[in-house]
Structure formats: structure tokens, C-alpha cells
């Protein structure tokens, strides 16, 4: 059983988006910044109308992160932005896009 990663504070969240680097996928974007400790945050587009749907998208994506459990040796603060089409995509397509973005991050 893996340990839960610490949550990103609101201040860190906005700092990563403003000053961090970005990797863009088709439906998912990753904002990241080097740090001492790895942390992960997930944000969902407000184009998904209801909070229940946004929470479902976060849970589905969080499960992909937990399942893959890719450990980046360096500390990286990550903010994953999920687009409005995320709920219509099959789980495997979301997982594939996540892995493509992670591979780009590892190469940098």
C-alpha cells in the first residue's frame, strides 16, 4: 500500500501555475516545478457543470496516479489540469495520455 502524497497548498498551487513549466496533452495538462518534496494536485475545468461530475473526474484521475505509482526521483510539485472532455473518455485513454505526459516529464 503506498503512502498518500501530501496535498498542495493553495499558495503552491497558484505559484506552480504562474511560474512552473507546462506539458500539454490533448485533454490533460501538467504544470510542474522542482521542489524538495513531491506533491500532486488535480484541478478540473469548470466547463464540467456539476461538482459531482468534477469530483468523479478527480477520483478517476487520482486512481490512475495511484495505480501507476510512478516515482520521480527528484521532488516535483505537480498540478494536473483536466479538460472538459475527461468524463467522456474511456479510462484506458486517460491512462495512456497520463503516461505520455509523464514520459515527456522524465525526458526533461
Foldseek 3Di string as FASTA:
>chain_A
DDDAFDADDPVRVVCQVVPFDWDDDPFKIKGKDFDQAAHEAEEEDCVQPDPVLRVVLVVLVVVLCVVVVDDDPTHMYIYMYGYPCSVVDDSVVSSVRVVVRVVVVNVD
